[in-house]
mmCIF file of all heavy atoms, coordinates in Angstrom:
data_MODEL
# 
_entry.id   MODEL 
# 
loop_
_atom_site.group_PDB 
_atom_site.id 
_atom_site.type_symbol 
_atom_site.label_atom_id 
_atom_site.label_alt_id 
_atom_site.label_comp_id 
_atom_site.label_asym_id 
_atom_site.label_entity_id 
_atom_site.label_seq_id 
_atom_site.pdbx_PDB_ins_code 
_atom_site.Cartn_x 
_atom_site.Cartn_y 
_atom_site.Cartn_z 
_atom_site.occupancy 
_atom_site.B_iso_or_equiv 
_atom_site.pdbx_formal_charge 
_atom_site.auth_seq_id 
_atom_site.auth_comp_id 
_atom_site.auth_asym_id 
_atom_site.auth_atom_id 
_atom_site.pdbx_PDB_model_num 
ATOM 1   N N   . ALA A 1 1  ? 36.238 34.769 -88.712 1.00 0.00 ? 1  ALA A N   1 
ATOM 2   C CA  . ALA A 1 1  ? 37.425 34.888 -87.864 1.00 0.00 ? 1  ALA A CA  1 
ATOM 3   C C   . ALA A 1 1  ? 37.194 35.817 -86.683 1.00 0.00 ? 1  ALA A C   1 
ATOM 4   O O   . ALA A 1 1  ? 36.374 36.737 -86.736 1.00 0.00 ? 1  ALA A O   1 
ATOM 5   C CB  . ALA A 1 1  ? 38.598 35.398 -88.693 1.00 0.00 ? 1  ALA A CB  1 
ATOM 6   N N   . MET A 1 2  ? 37.921 35.562 -85.616 1.00 0.00 ? 2  MET A N   1 
ATOM 7   C CA  . MET A 1 2  ? 38.080 36.446 -84.469 1.00 0.00 ? 2  MET A CA  1 
ATOM 8   C C   . MET A 1 2  ? 36.825 36.621 -83.626 1.00 0.00 ? 2  MET A C   1 
ATOM 9   O O   . MET A 1 2  ? 36.763 37.520 -82.774 1.00 0.00 ? 2  MET A O   1 
ATOM 10  C CB  . MET A 1 2  ? 38.610 37.821 -84.918 1.00 0.00 ? 2  MET A CB  1 
ATOM 11  C CG  . MET A 1 2  ? 39.921 37.735 -85.690 1.00 0.00 ? 2  MET A CG  1 
ATOM 12  S SD  . MET A 1 2  ? 40.562 39.333 -86.232 1.00 0.00 ? 2  MET A SD  1 
ATOM 13  C CE  . MET A 1 2  ? 41.195 39.973 -84.685 1.00 0.00 ? 2  MET A CE  1 
ATOM 14  N N   . THR A 1 3  ? 35.815 35.771 -83.806 1.00 0.00 ? 3  THR A N   1 
ATOM 15  C CA  . THR A 1 3  ? 34.618 35.905 -82.976 1.00 0.00 ? 3  THR A CA  1 
ATOM 16  C C   . THR A 1 3  ? 34.892 35.556 -81.514 1.00 0.00 ? 3  THR A C   1 
ATOM 17  O O   . THR A 1 3  ? 34.093 35.895 -80.638 1.00 0.00 ? 3  THR A O   1 
ATOM 18  C CB  . THR A 1 3  ? 33.487 35.002 -83.510 1.00 0.00 ? 3  THR A CB  1 
ATOM 19  O OG1 . THR A 1 3  ? 33.976 33.661 -83.633 1.00 0.00 ? 3  THR A OG1 1 
ATOM 20  C CG2 . THR A 1 3  ? 32.987 35.483 -84.847 1.00 0.00 ? 3  THR A CG2 1 
ATOM 21  N N   . GLN A 1 4  ? 36.023 34.885 -81.256 1.00 0.00 ? 4  GLN A N   1 
ATOM 22  C CA  . GLN A 1 4  ? 36.372 34.568 -79.875 1.00 0.00 ? 4  GLN A CA  1 
ATOM 23  C C   . GLN A 1 4  ? 36.621 35.831 -79.053 1.00 0.00 ? 4  GLN A C   1 
ATOM 24  O O   . GLN A 1 4  ? 36.589 35.796 -77.815 1.00 0.00 ? 4  GLN A O   1 
ATOM 25  C CB  . GLN A 1 4  ? 37.602 33.646 -79.818 1.00 0.00 ? 4  GLN A CB  1 
ATOM 26  C CG  . GLN A 1 4  ? 38.920 34.315 -80.206 1.00 0.00 ? 4  GLN A CG  1 
ATOM 27  C CD  . GLN A 1 4  ? 39.169 34.305 -81.705 1.00 0.00 ? 4  GLN A CD  1 
ATOM 28  O OE1 . GLN A 1 4  ? 38.275 33.979 -82.493 1.00 0.00 ? 4  GLN A OE1 1 
ATOM 29  N NE2 . GLN A 1 4  ? 40.375 34.653 -82.100 1.00 0.00 ? 4  GLN A NE2 1 
ATOM 30  N N   . LEU A 1 5  ? 36.850 36.958 -79.722 1.00 0.00 ? 5  LEU A N   1 
ATOM 31  C CA  . LEU A 1 5  ? 37.039 38.215 -79.011 1.00 0.00 ? 5  LEU A CA  1 
ATOM 32  C C   . LEU A 1 5  ? 35.726 38.727 -78.415 1.00 0.00 ? 5  LEU A C   1 
ATOM 33  O O   . LEU A 1 5  ? 35.734 39.557 -77.509 1.00 0.00 ? 5  LEU A O   1 
ATOM 34  C CB  . LEU A 1 5  ? 37.610 39.270 -79.956 1.00 0.00 ? 5  LEU A CB  1 
ATOM 35  C CG  . LEU A 1 5  ? 38.983 38.973 -80.569 1.00 0.00 ? 5  LEU A CG  1 
ATOM 36  C CD1 . LEU A 1 5  ? 39.365 40.080 -81.550 1.00 0.00 ? 5  LEU A CD1 1 
ATOM 37  C CD2 . LEU A 1 5  ? 40.042 38.835 -79.494 1.00 0.00 ? 5  LEU A CD2 1 
ATOM 38  N N   . GLY A 1 6  ? 34.603 38.240 -78.937 1.00 0.00 ? 6  GLY A N   1 
ATOM 39  C CA  . GLY A 1 6  ? 33.316 38.730 -78.472 1.00 0.00 ? 6  GLY A CA  1 
ATOM 40  C C   . GLY A 1 6  ? 33.010 38.364 -77.031 1.00 0.00 ? 6  GLY A C   1 
ATOM 41  O O   . GLY A 1 6  ? 32.441 39.176 -76.283 1.00 0.00 ? 6  GLY A O   1 
ATOM 42  N N   . ALA A 1 7  ? 33.380 37.158 -76.610 1.00 0.00 ? 7  ALA A N   1 
ATOM 43  C CA  . ALA A 1 7  ? 33.038 36.701 -75.257 1.00 0.00 ? 7  ALA A CA  1 
ATOM 44  C C   . ALA A 1 7  ? 33.641 37.573 -74.161 1.00 0.00 ? 7  ALA A C   1 
ATOM 45  O O   . ALA A 1 7  ? 32.919 38.012 -73.251 1.00 0.00 ? 7  ALA A O   1 
ATOM 46  C CB  . ALA A 1 7  ? 33.464 35.238 -75.090 1.00 0.00 ? 7  ALA A CB  1 
ATOM 47  N N   . PRO A 1 8  ? 34.961 37.863 -74.187 1.00 0.00 ? 8  PRO A N   1 
ATOM 48  C CA  . PRO A 1 8  ? 35.487 38.732 -73.123 1.00 0.00 ? 8  PRO A CA  1 
ATOM 49  C C   . PRO A 1 8  ? 34.936 40.153 -73.178 1.00 0.00 ? 8  PRO A C   1 
ATOM 50  O O   . PRO A 1 8  ? 34.751 40.791 -72.133 1.00 0.00 ? 8  PRO A O   1 
ATOM 51  C CB  . PRO A 1 8  ? 37.008 38.711 -73.363 1.00 0.00 ? 8  PRO A CB  1 
ATOM 52  C CG  . PRO A 1 8  ? 37.198 38.213 -74.748 1.00 0.00 ? 8  PRO A CG  1 
ATOM 53  C CD  . PRO A 1 8  ? 36.045 37.326 -75.031 1.00 0.00 ? 8  PRO A CD  1 
ATOM 54  N N   . MET A 1 9  ? 34.669 40.649 -74.385 1.00 0.00 ? 9  MET A N   1 
ATOM 55  C CA  . MET A 1 9  ? 34.097 41.986 -74.490 1.00 0.00 ? 9  MET A CA  1 
ATOM 56  C C   . MET A 1 9  ? 32.691 42.011 -73.896 1.00 0.00 ? 9  MET A C   1 
ATOM 57  O O   . MET A 1 9  ? 32.317 42.955 -73.183 1.00 0.00 ? 9  MET A O   1 
ATOM 58  C CB  . MET A 1 9  ? 34.072 42.422 -75.954 1.00 0.00 ? 9  MET A CB  1 
ATOM 59  C CG  . MET A 1 9  ? 35.459 42.611 -76.556 1.00 0.00 ? 9  MET A CG  1 
ATOM 60  S SD  . MET A 1 9  ? 35.435 42.796 -78.365 1.00 0.00 ? 9  MET A SD  1 
ATOM 61  C CE  . MET A 1 9  ? 34.667 44.402 -78.523 1.00 0.00 ? 9  MET A CE  1 
ATOM 62  N N   . LEU A 1 10 ? 31.904 40.967 -74.182 1.00 0.00 ? 10 LEU A N   1 
ATOM 63  C CA  . LEU A 1 10 ? 30.561 40.884 -73.614 1.00 0.00 ? 10 LEU A CA  1 
ATOM 64  C C   . LEU A 1 10 ? 30.607 40.711 -72.101 1.00 0.00 ? 10 LEU A C   1 
ATOM 65  O O   . LEU A 1 10 ? 29.791 41.288 -71.369 1.00 0.00 ? 10 LEU A O   1 
ATOM 66  C CB  . LEU A 1 10 ? 29.795 39.717 -74.247 1.00 0.00 ? 10 LEU A CB  1 
ATOM 67  C CG  . LEU A 1 10 ? 29.194 39.981 -75.625 1.00 0.00 ? 10 LEU A CG  1 
ATOM 68  C CD1 . LEU A 1 10 ? 28.696 38.686 -76.249 1.00 0.00 ? 10 LEU A CD1 1 
ATOM 69  C CD2 . LEU A 1 10 ? 28.048 40.987 -75.526 1.00 0.00 ? 10 LEU A CD2 1 
ATOM 70  N N   . GLN A 1 11 ? 31.543 39.916 -71.623 1.00 0.00 ? 11 GLN A N   1 
ATOM 71  C CA  . GLN A 1 11 ? 31.689 39.722 -70.185 1.00 0.00 ? 11 GLN A CA  1 
ATOM 72  C C   . GLN A 1 11 ? 31.961 41.049 -69.483 1.00 0.00 ? 11 GLN A C   1 
ATOM 73  O O   . GLN A 1 11 ? 31.381 41.351 -68.427 1.00 0.00 ? 11 GLN A O   1 
ATOM 74  C CB  . GLN A 1 11 ? 32.836 38.732 -69.912 1.00 0.00 ? 11 GLN A CB  1 
ATOM 75  C CG  . GLN A 1 11 ? 33.178 38.523 -68.441 1.00 0.00 ? 11 GLN A CG  1 
ATOM 76  C CD  . GLN A 1 11 ? 32.070 37.841 -67.663 1.00 0.00 ? 11 GLN A CD  1 
ATOM 77  O OE1 . GLN A 1 11 ? 31.186 37.192 -68.263 1.00 0.00 ? 11 GLN A OE1 1 
ATOM 78  N NE2 . GLN A 1 11 ? 32.088 37.977 -66.350 1.00 0.00 ? 11 GLN A NE2 1 
ATOM 79  N N   . LEU A 1 12 ? 32.820 41.849 -70.086 1.00 0.00 ? 12 LEU A N   1 
ATOM 80  C CA  . LEU A 1 12 ? 33.137 43.156 -69.502 1.00 0.00 ? 12 LEU A CA  1 
ATOM 81  C C   . LEU A 1 12 ? 31.928 44.080 -69.519 1.00 0.00 ? 12 LEU A C   1 
ATOM 82  O O   . LEU A 1 12 ? 31.590 44.707 -68.504 1.00 0.00 ? 12 LEU A O   1 
ATOM 83  C CB  . LEU A 1 12 ? 34.300 43.787 -70.276 1.00 0.00 ? 12 LEU A CB  1 
ATOM 84  C CG  . LEU A 1 12 ? 34.700 45.213 -69.882 1.00 0.00 ? 12 LEU A CG  1 
ATOM 85  C CD1 . LEU A 1 12 ? 35.218 45.245 -68.453 1.00 0.00 ? 12 LEU A CD1 1 
ATOM 86  C CD2 . LEU A 1 12 ? 35.741 45.759 -70.847 1.00 0.00 ? 12 LEU A CD2 1 
ATOM 87  N N   . LEU A 1 13 ? 31.247 44.146 -70.667 1.00 0.00 ? 13 LEU A N   1 
ATOM 88  C CA  . LEU A 1 13 ? 30.138 45.082 -70.805 1.00 0.00 ? 13 LEU A CA  1 
ATOM 89  C C   . LEU A 1 13 ? 28.915 44.692 -69.984 1.00 0.00 ? 13 LEU A C   1 
ATOM 90  O O   . LEU A 1 13 ? 28.222 45.551 -69.433 1.00 0.00 ? 13 LEU A O   1 
ATOM 91  C CB  . LEU A 1 13 ? 29.746 45.201 -72.281 1.00 0.00 ? 13 LEU A CB  1 
ATOM 92  C CG  . LEU A 1 13 ? 30.713 45.984 -73.172 1.00 0.00 ? 13 LEU A CG  1 
ATOM 93  C CD1 . LEU A 1 13 ? 30.361 45.785 -74.636 1.00 0.00 ? 13 LEU A CD1 1 
ATOM 94  C CD2 . LEU A 1 13 ? 30.693 47.472 -72.820 1.00 0.00 ? 13 LEU A CD2 1 
ATOM 95  N N   . THR A 1 14 ? 28.635 43.403 -69.924 1.00 0.00 ? 14 THR A N   1 
ATOM 96  C CA  . THR A 1 14 ? 27.420 42.963 -69.228 1.00 0.00 ? 14 THR A CA  1 
ATOM 97  C C   . THR A 1 14 ? 27.579 42.921 -67.715 1.00 0.00 ? 14 THR A C   1 
ATOM 98  O O   . THR A 1 14 ? 26.601 42.691 -66.999 1.00 0.00 ? 14 THR A O   1 
ATOM 99  C CB  . THR A 1 14 ? 26.984 41.579 -69.728 1.00 0.00 ? 14 THR A CB  1 
ATOM 100 O OG1 . THR A 1 14 ? 28.070 40.652 -69.603 1.00 0.00 ? 14 THR A OG1 1 
ATOM 101 C CG2 . THR A 1 14 ? 26.547 41.635 -71.183 1.00 0.00 ? 14 THR A CG2 1 
ATOM 102 N N   . THR A 1 15 ? 28.773 43.129 -67.206 1.00 0.00 ? 15 THR A N   1 
ATOM 103 C CA  . THR A 1 15 ? 28.984 43.160 -65.756 1.00 0.00 ? 15 THR A CA  1 
ATOM 104 C C   . THR A 1 15 ? 29.243 44.569 -65.236 1.00 0.00 ? 15 THR A C   1 
ATOM 105 O O   . THR A 1 15 ? 29.564 44.744 -64.061 1.00 0.00 ? 15 THR A O   1 
ATOM 106 C CB  . THR A 1 15 ? 30.164 42.244 -65.365 1.00 0.00 ? 15 THR A CB  1 
ATOM 107 O OG1 . THR A 1 15 ? 31.335 42.624 -66.097 1.00 0.00 ? 15 THR A OG1 1 
ATOM 108 C CG2 . THR A 1 15 ? 29.842 40.783 -65.646 1.00 0.00 ? 15 THR A CG2 1 
ATOM 109 N N   . LEU A 1 16 ? 29.104 45.562 -66.102 1.00 0.00 ? 16 LEU A N   1 
ATOM 110 C CA  . LEU A 1 16 ? 29.276 46.947 -65.653 1.00 0.00 ? 16 LEU A CA  1 
ATOM 111 C C   . LEU A 1 16 ? 28.156 47.341 -64.692 1.00 0.00 ? 16 LEU A C   1 
ATOM 112 O O   . LEU A 1 16 ? 26.987 47.030 -64.928 1.00 0.00 ? 16 LEU A O   1 
ATOM 113 C CB  . LEU A 1 16 ? 29.264 47.901 -66.851 1.00 0.00 ? 16 LEU A CB  1 
ATOM 114 C CG  . LEU A 1 16 ? 30.463 47.900 -67.795 1.00 0.00 ? 16 LEU A CG  1 
ATOM 115 C CD1 . LEU A 1 16 ? 30.206 48.855 -68.963 1.00 0.00 ? 16 LEU A CD1 1 
ATOM 116 C CD2 . LEU A 1 16 ? 31.733 48.292 -67.059 1.00 0.00 ? 16 LEU A CD2 1 
ATOM 117 N N   . PRO A 1 17 ? 28.467 48.030 -63.624 1.00 0.00 ? 17 PRO A N   1 
ATOM 118 C CA  . PRO A 1 17 ? 27.412 48.550 -62.740 1.00 0.00 ? 17 PRO A CA  1 
ATOM 119 C C   . PRO A 1 17 ? 26.643 49.675 -63.432 1.00 0.00 ? 17 PRO A C   1 
ATOM 120 O O   . PRO A 1 17 ? 27.128 50.279 -64.401 1.00 0.00 ? 17 PRO A O   1 
ATOM 121 C CB  . PRO A 1 17 ? 28.197 49.069 -61.522 1.00 0.00 ? 17 PRO A CB  1 
ATOM 122 C CG  . PRO A 1 17 ? 29.580 49.307 -62.013 1.00 0.00 ? 17 PRO A CG  1 
ATOM 123 C CD  . PRO A 1 17 ? 29.809 48.314 -63.116 1.00 0.00 ? 17 PRO A CD  1 
ATOM 124 N N   . PRO A 1 18 ? 25.441 49.982 -62.943 1.00 0.00 ? 18 PRO A N   1 
ATOM 125 C CA  . PRO A 1 18 ? 24.598 50.999 -63.601 1.00 0.00 ? 18 PRO A CA  1 
ATOM 126 C C   . PRO A 1 18 ? 25.288 52.346 -63.804 1.00 0.00 ? 18 PRO A C   1 
ATOM 127 O O   . PRO A 1 18 ? 25.106 52.988 -64.844 1.00 0.00 ? 18 PRO A O   1 
ATOM 128 C CB  . PRO A 1 18 ? 23.397 51.119 -62.662 1.00 0.00 ? 18 PRO A CB  1 
ATOM 129 C CG  . PRO A 1 18 ? 23.322 49.778 -61.999 1.00 0.00 ? 18 PRO A CG  1 
ATOM 130 C CD  . PRO A 1 18 ? 24.730 49.317 -61.844 1.00 0.00 ? 18 PRO A CD  1 
ATOM 131 N N   . ALA A 1 19 ? 26.080 52.779 -62.827 1.00 0.00 ? 19 ALA A N   1 
ATOM 132 C CA  . ALA A 1 19 ? 26.753 54.071 -62.963 1.00 0.00 ? 19 ALA A CA  1 
ATOM 133 C C   . ALA A 1 19 ? 27.744 54.059 -64.124 1.00 0.00 ? 19 ALA A C   1 
ATOM 134 O O   . ALA A 1 19 ? 27.866 55.043 -64.866 1.00 0.00 ? 19 ALA A O   1 
ATOM 135 C CB  . ALA A 1 19 ? 27.479 54.424 -61.663 1.00 0.00 ? 19 ALA A CB  1 
ATOM 136 N N   . ASP A 1 20 ? 28.441 52.933 -64.296 1.00 0.00 ? 20 ASP A N   1 
ATOM 137 C CA  . ASP A 1 20 ? 29.404 52.826 -65.396 1.00 0.00 ? 20 ASP A CA  1 
ATOM 138 C C   . ASP A 1 20 ? 28.689 52.737 -66.743 1.00 0.00 ? 20 ASP A C   1 
ATOM 139 O O   . ASP A 1 20 ? 29.202 53.220 -67.764 1.00 0.00 ? 20 ASP A O   1 
ATOM 140 C CB  . ASP A 1 20 ? 30.303 51.607 -65.202 1.00 0.00 ? 20 ASP A CB  1 
ATOM 141 C CG  . ASP A 1 20 ? 31.306 51.815 -64.075 1.00 0.00 ? 20 ASP A CG  1 
ATOM 142 O OD1 . ASP A 1 20 ? 31.458 52.966 -63.627 1.00 0.00 ? 20 ASP A OD1 1 
ATOM 143 O OD2 . ASP A 1 20 ? 31.918 50.826 -63.631 1.00 0.00 ? 20 ASP A OD2 1 
ATOM 144 N N   . ILE A 1 21 ? 27.508 52.102 -66.766 1.00 0.00 ? 21 ILE A N   1 
ATOM 145 C CA  . ILE A 1 21 ? 26.728 52.046 -68.002 1.00 0.00 ? 21 ILE A CA  1 
ATOM 146 C C   . ILE A 1 21 ? 26.279 53.446 -68.401 1.00 0.00 ? 21 ILE A C   1 
ATOM 147 O O   . ILE A 1 21 ? 26.350 53.834 -69.577 1.00 0.00 ? 21 ILE A O   1 
ATOM 148 C CB  . ILE A 1 21 ? 25.515 51.108 -67.837 1.00 0.00 ? 21 ILE A CB  1 
ATOM 149 C CG1 . ILE A 1 21 ? 25.982 49.655 -67.678 1.00 0.00 ? 21 ILE A CG1 1 
ATOM 150 C CG2 . ILE A 1 21 ? 24.570 51.240 -69.035 1.00 0.00 ? 21 ILE A CG2 1 
ATOM 151 C CD1 . ILE A 1 21 ? 24.865 48.674 -67.407 1.00 0.00 ? 21 ILE A CD1 1 
ATOM 152 N N   . ALA A 1 22 ? 25.832 54.226 -67.427 1.00 0.00 ? 22 ALA A N   1 
ATOM 153 C CA  . ALA A 1 22 ? 25.424 55.601 -67.711 1.00 0.00 ? 22 ALA A CA  1 
ATOM 154 C C   . ALA A 1 22 ? 26.602 56.411 -68.246 1.00 0.00 ? 22 ALA A C   1 
ATOM 155 O O   . ALA A 1 22 ? 26.459 57.201 -69.193 1.00 0.00 ? 22 ALA A O   1 
ATOM 156 C CB  . ALA A 1 22 ? 24.856 56.246 -66.453 1.00 0.00 ? 22 ALA A CB  1 
ATOM 157 N N   . ASP A 1 23 ? 27.776 56.206 -67.666 1.00 0.00 ? 23 ASP A N   1 
ATOM 158 C CA  . ASP A 1 23 ? 28.974 56.909 -68.132 1.00 0.00 ? 23 ASP A CA  1 
ATOM 159 C C   . ASP A 1 23 ? 29.352 56.462 -69.545 1.00 0.00 ? 23 ASP A C   1 
ATOM 160 O O   . ASP A 1 23 ? 29.746 57.279 -70.384 1.00 0.00 ? 23 ASP A O   1 
ATOM 161 C CB  . ASP A 1 23 ? 30.123 56.645 -67.163 1.00 0.00 ? 23 ASP A CB  1 
ATOM 162 C CG  . ASP A 1 23 ? 31.369 57.439 -67.516 1.00 0.00 ? 23 ASP A CG  1 
ATOM 163 O OD1 . ASP A 1 23 ? 31.292 58.672 -67.601 1.00 0.00 ? 23 ASP A OD1 1 
ATOM 164 O OD2 . ASP A 1 23 ? 32.438 56.805 -67.720 1.00 0.00 ? 23 ASP A OD2 1 
ATOM 165 N N   . TYR A 1 24 ? 29.217 55.145 -69.804 1.00 0.00 ? 24 TYR A N   1 
ATOM 166 C CA  . TYR A 1 24 ? 29.497 54.609 -71.142 1.00 0.00 ? 24 TYR A CA  1 
ATOM 167 C C   . TYR A 1 24 ? 28.575 55.261 -72.173 1.00 0.00 ? 24 TYR A C   1 
ATOM 168 O O   . TYR A 1 24 ? 29.024 55.648 -73.260 1.00 0.00 ? 24 TYR A O   1 
ATOM 169 C CB  . TYR A 1 24 ? 29.308 53.098 -71.134 1.00 0.00 ? 24 TYR A CB  1 
ATOM 170 C CG  . TYR A 1 24 ? 29.628 52.419 -72.440 1.00 0.00 ? 24 TYR A CG  1 
ATOM 171 C CD1 . TYR A 1 24 ? 30.867 51.828 -72.661 1.00 0.00 ? 24 TYR A CD1 1 
ATOM 172 C CD2 . TYR A 1 24 ? 28.683 52.351 -73.480 1.00 0.00 ? 24 TYR A CD2 1 
ATOM 173 C CE1 . TYR A 1 24 ? 31.179 51.209 -73.855 1.00 0.00 ? 24 TYR A CE1 1 
ATOM 174 C CE2 . TYR A 1 24 ? 28.986 51.741 -74.686 1.00 0.00 ? 24 TYR A CE2 1 
ATOM 175 C CZ  . TYR A 1 24 ? 30.224 51.166 -74.863 1.00 0.00 ? 24 TYR A CZ  1 
ATOM 176 O OH  . TYR A 1 24 ? 30.531 50.559 -76.063 1.00 0.00 ? 24 TYR A OH  1 
ATOM 177 N N   . ASN A 1 25 ? 27.316 55.395 -71.825 1.00 0.00 ? 25 ASN A N   1 
ATOM 178 C CA  . ASN A 1 25 ? 26.356 55.982 -72.764 1.00 0.00 ? 25 ASN A CA  1 
ATOM 179 C C   . ASN A 1 25 ? 26.663 57.454 -73.055 1.00 0.00 ? 25 ASN A C   1 
ATOM 180 O O   . ASN A 1 25 ? 26.457 57.923 -74.178 1.00 0.00 ? 25 ASN A O   1 
ATOM 181 C CB  . ASN A 1 25 ? 24.939 55.834 -72.216 1.00 0.00 ? 25 ASN A CB  1 
ATOM 182 C CG  . ASN A 1 25 ? 24.464 54.398 -72.237 1.00 0.00 ? 25 ASN A CG  1 
ATOM 183 O OD1 . ASN A 1 25 ? 25.007 53.561 -72.964 1.00 0.00 ? 25 ASN A OD1 1 
ATOM 184 N ND2 . ASN A 1 25 ? 23.457 54.095 -71.432 1.00 0.00 ? 25 ASN A ND2 1 
ATOM 185 N N   . LEU A 1 26 ? 27.149 58.154 -72.050 1.00 0.00 ? 26 LEU A N   1 
ATOM 186 C CA  . LEU A 1 26 ? 27.538 59.550 -72.258 1.00 0.00 ? 26 LEU A CA  1 
ATOM 187 C C   . LEU A 1 26 ? 28.723 59.656 -73.214 1.00 0.00 ? 26 LEU A C   1 
ATOM 188 O O   . LEU A 1 26 ? 28.792 60.565 -74.047 1.00 0.00 ? 26 LEU A O   1 
ATOM 189 C CB  . LEU A 1 26 ? 27.883 60.215 -70.924 1.00 0.00 ? 26 LEU A CB  1 
ATOM 190 C CG  . LEU A 1 26 ? 26.706 60.554 -70.005 1.00 0.00 ? 26 LEU A CG  1 
ATOM 191 C CD1 . LEU A 1 26 ? 27.222 61.060 -68.657 1.00 0.00 ? 26 LEU A CD1 1 
ATOM 192 C CD2 . LEU A 1 26 ? 25.794 61.608 -70.649 1.00 0.00 ? 26 LEU A CD2 1 
ATOM 193 N N   . LYS A 1 27 ? 29.648 58.716 -73.109 1.00 0.00 ? 27 LYS A N   1 
ATOM 194 C CA  . LYS A 1 27 ? 30.851 58.747 -73.934 1.00 0.00 ? 27 LYS A CA  1 
ATOM 195 C C   . LYS A 1 27 ? 30.618 58.170 -75.331 1.00 0.00 ? 27 LYS A C   1 
ATOM 196 O O   . LYS A 1 27 ? 31.406 58.422 -76.248 1.00 0.00 ? 27 LYS A O   1 
ATOM 197 C CB  . LYS A 1 27 ? 31.978 57.973 -73.248 1.00 0.00 ? 27 LYS A CB  1 
ATOM 198 C CG  . LYS A 1 27 ? 32.466 58.613 -71.964 1.00 0.00 ? 27 LYS A CG  1 
ATOM 199 C CD  . LYS A 1 27 ? 33.542 57.767 -71.304 1.00 0.00 ? 27 LYS A CD  1 
ATOM 200 C CE  . LYS A 1 27 ? 34.062 58.426 -70.036 1.00 0.00 ? 27 LYS A CE  1 
ATOM 201 N NZ  . LYS A 1 27 ? 35.075 57.590 -69.336 1.00 0.00 ? 27 LYS A NZ  1 
ATOM 202 N N   . HIS A 1 28 ? 29.574 57.363 -75.486 1.00 0.00 ? 28 HIS A N   1 
ATOM 203 C CA  . HIS A 1 28 ? 29.292 56.721 -76.781 1.00 0.00 ? 28 HIS A CA  1 
ATOM 204 C C   . HIS A 1 28 ? 27.838 56.958 -77.176 1.00 0.00 ? 28 HIS A C   1 
ATOM 205 O O   . HIS A 1 28 ? 27.036 56.016 -77.251 1.00 0.00 ? 28 HIS A O   1 
ATOM 206 C CB  . HIS A 1 28 ? 29.567 55.210 -76.706 1.00 0.00 ? 28 HIS A CB  1 
ATOM 207 C CG  . HIS A 1 28 ? 30.955 54.864 -76.264 1.00 0.00 ? 28 HIS A CG  1 
ATOM 208 N ND1 . HIS A 1 28 ? 31.307 54.752 -74.928 1.00 0.00 ? 28 HIS A ND1 1 
ATOM 209 C CD2 . HIS A 1 28 ? 32.078 54.620 -76.980 1.00 0.00 ? 28 HIS A CD2 1 
ATOM 210 C CE1 . HIS A 1 28 ? 32.585 54.427 -74.848 1.00 0.00 ? 28 HIS A CE1 1 
ATOM 211 N NE2 . HIS A 1 28 ? 33.081 54.354 -76.063 1.00 0.00 ? 28 HIS A NE2 1 
# 
């Protein structure tokens, strides 16, 4: 169940610019 939630989450994460990825890594 609920694997359809993966696509929008992946779309958001894989389109982050490098600066936002670096910030994400600091927070997680």
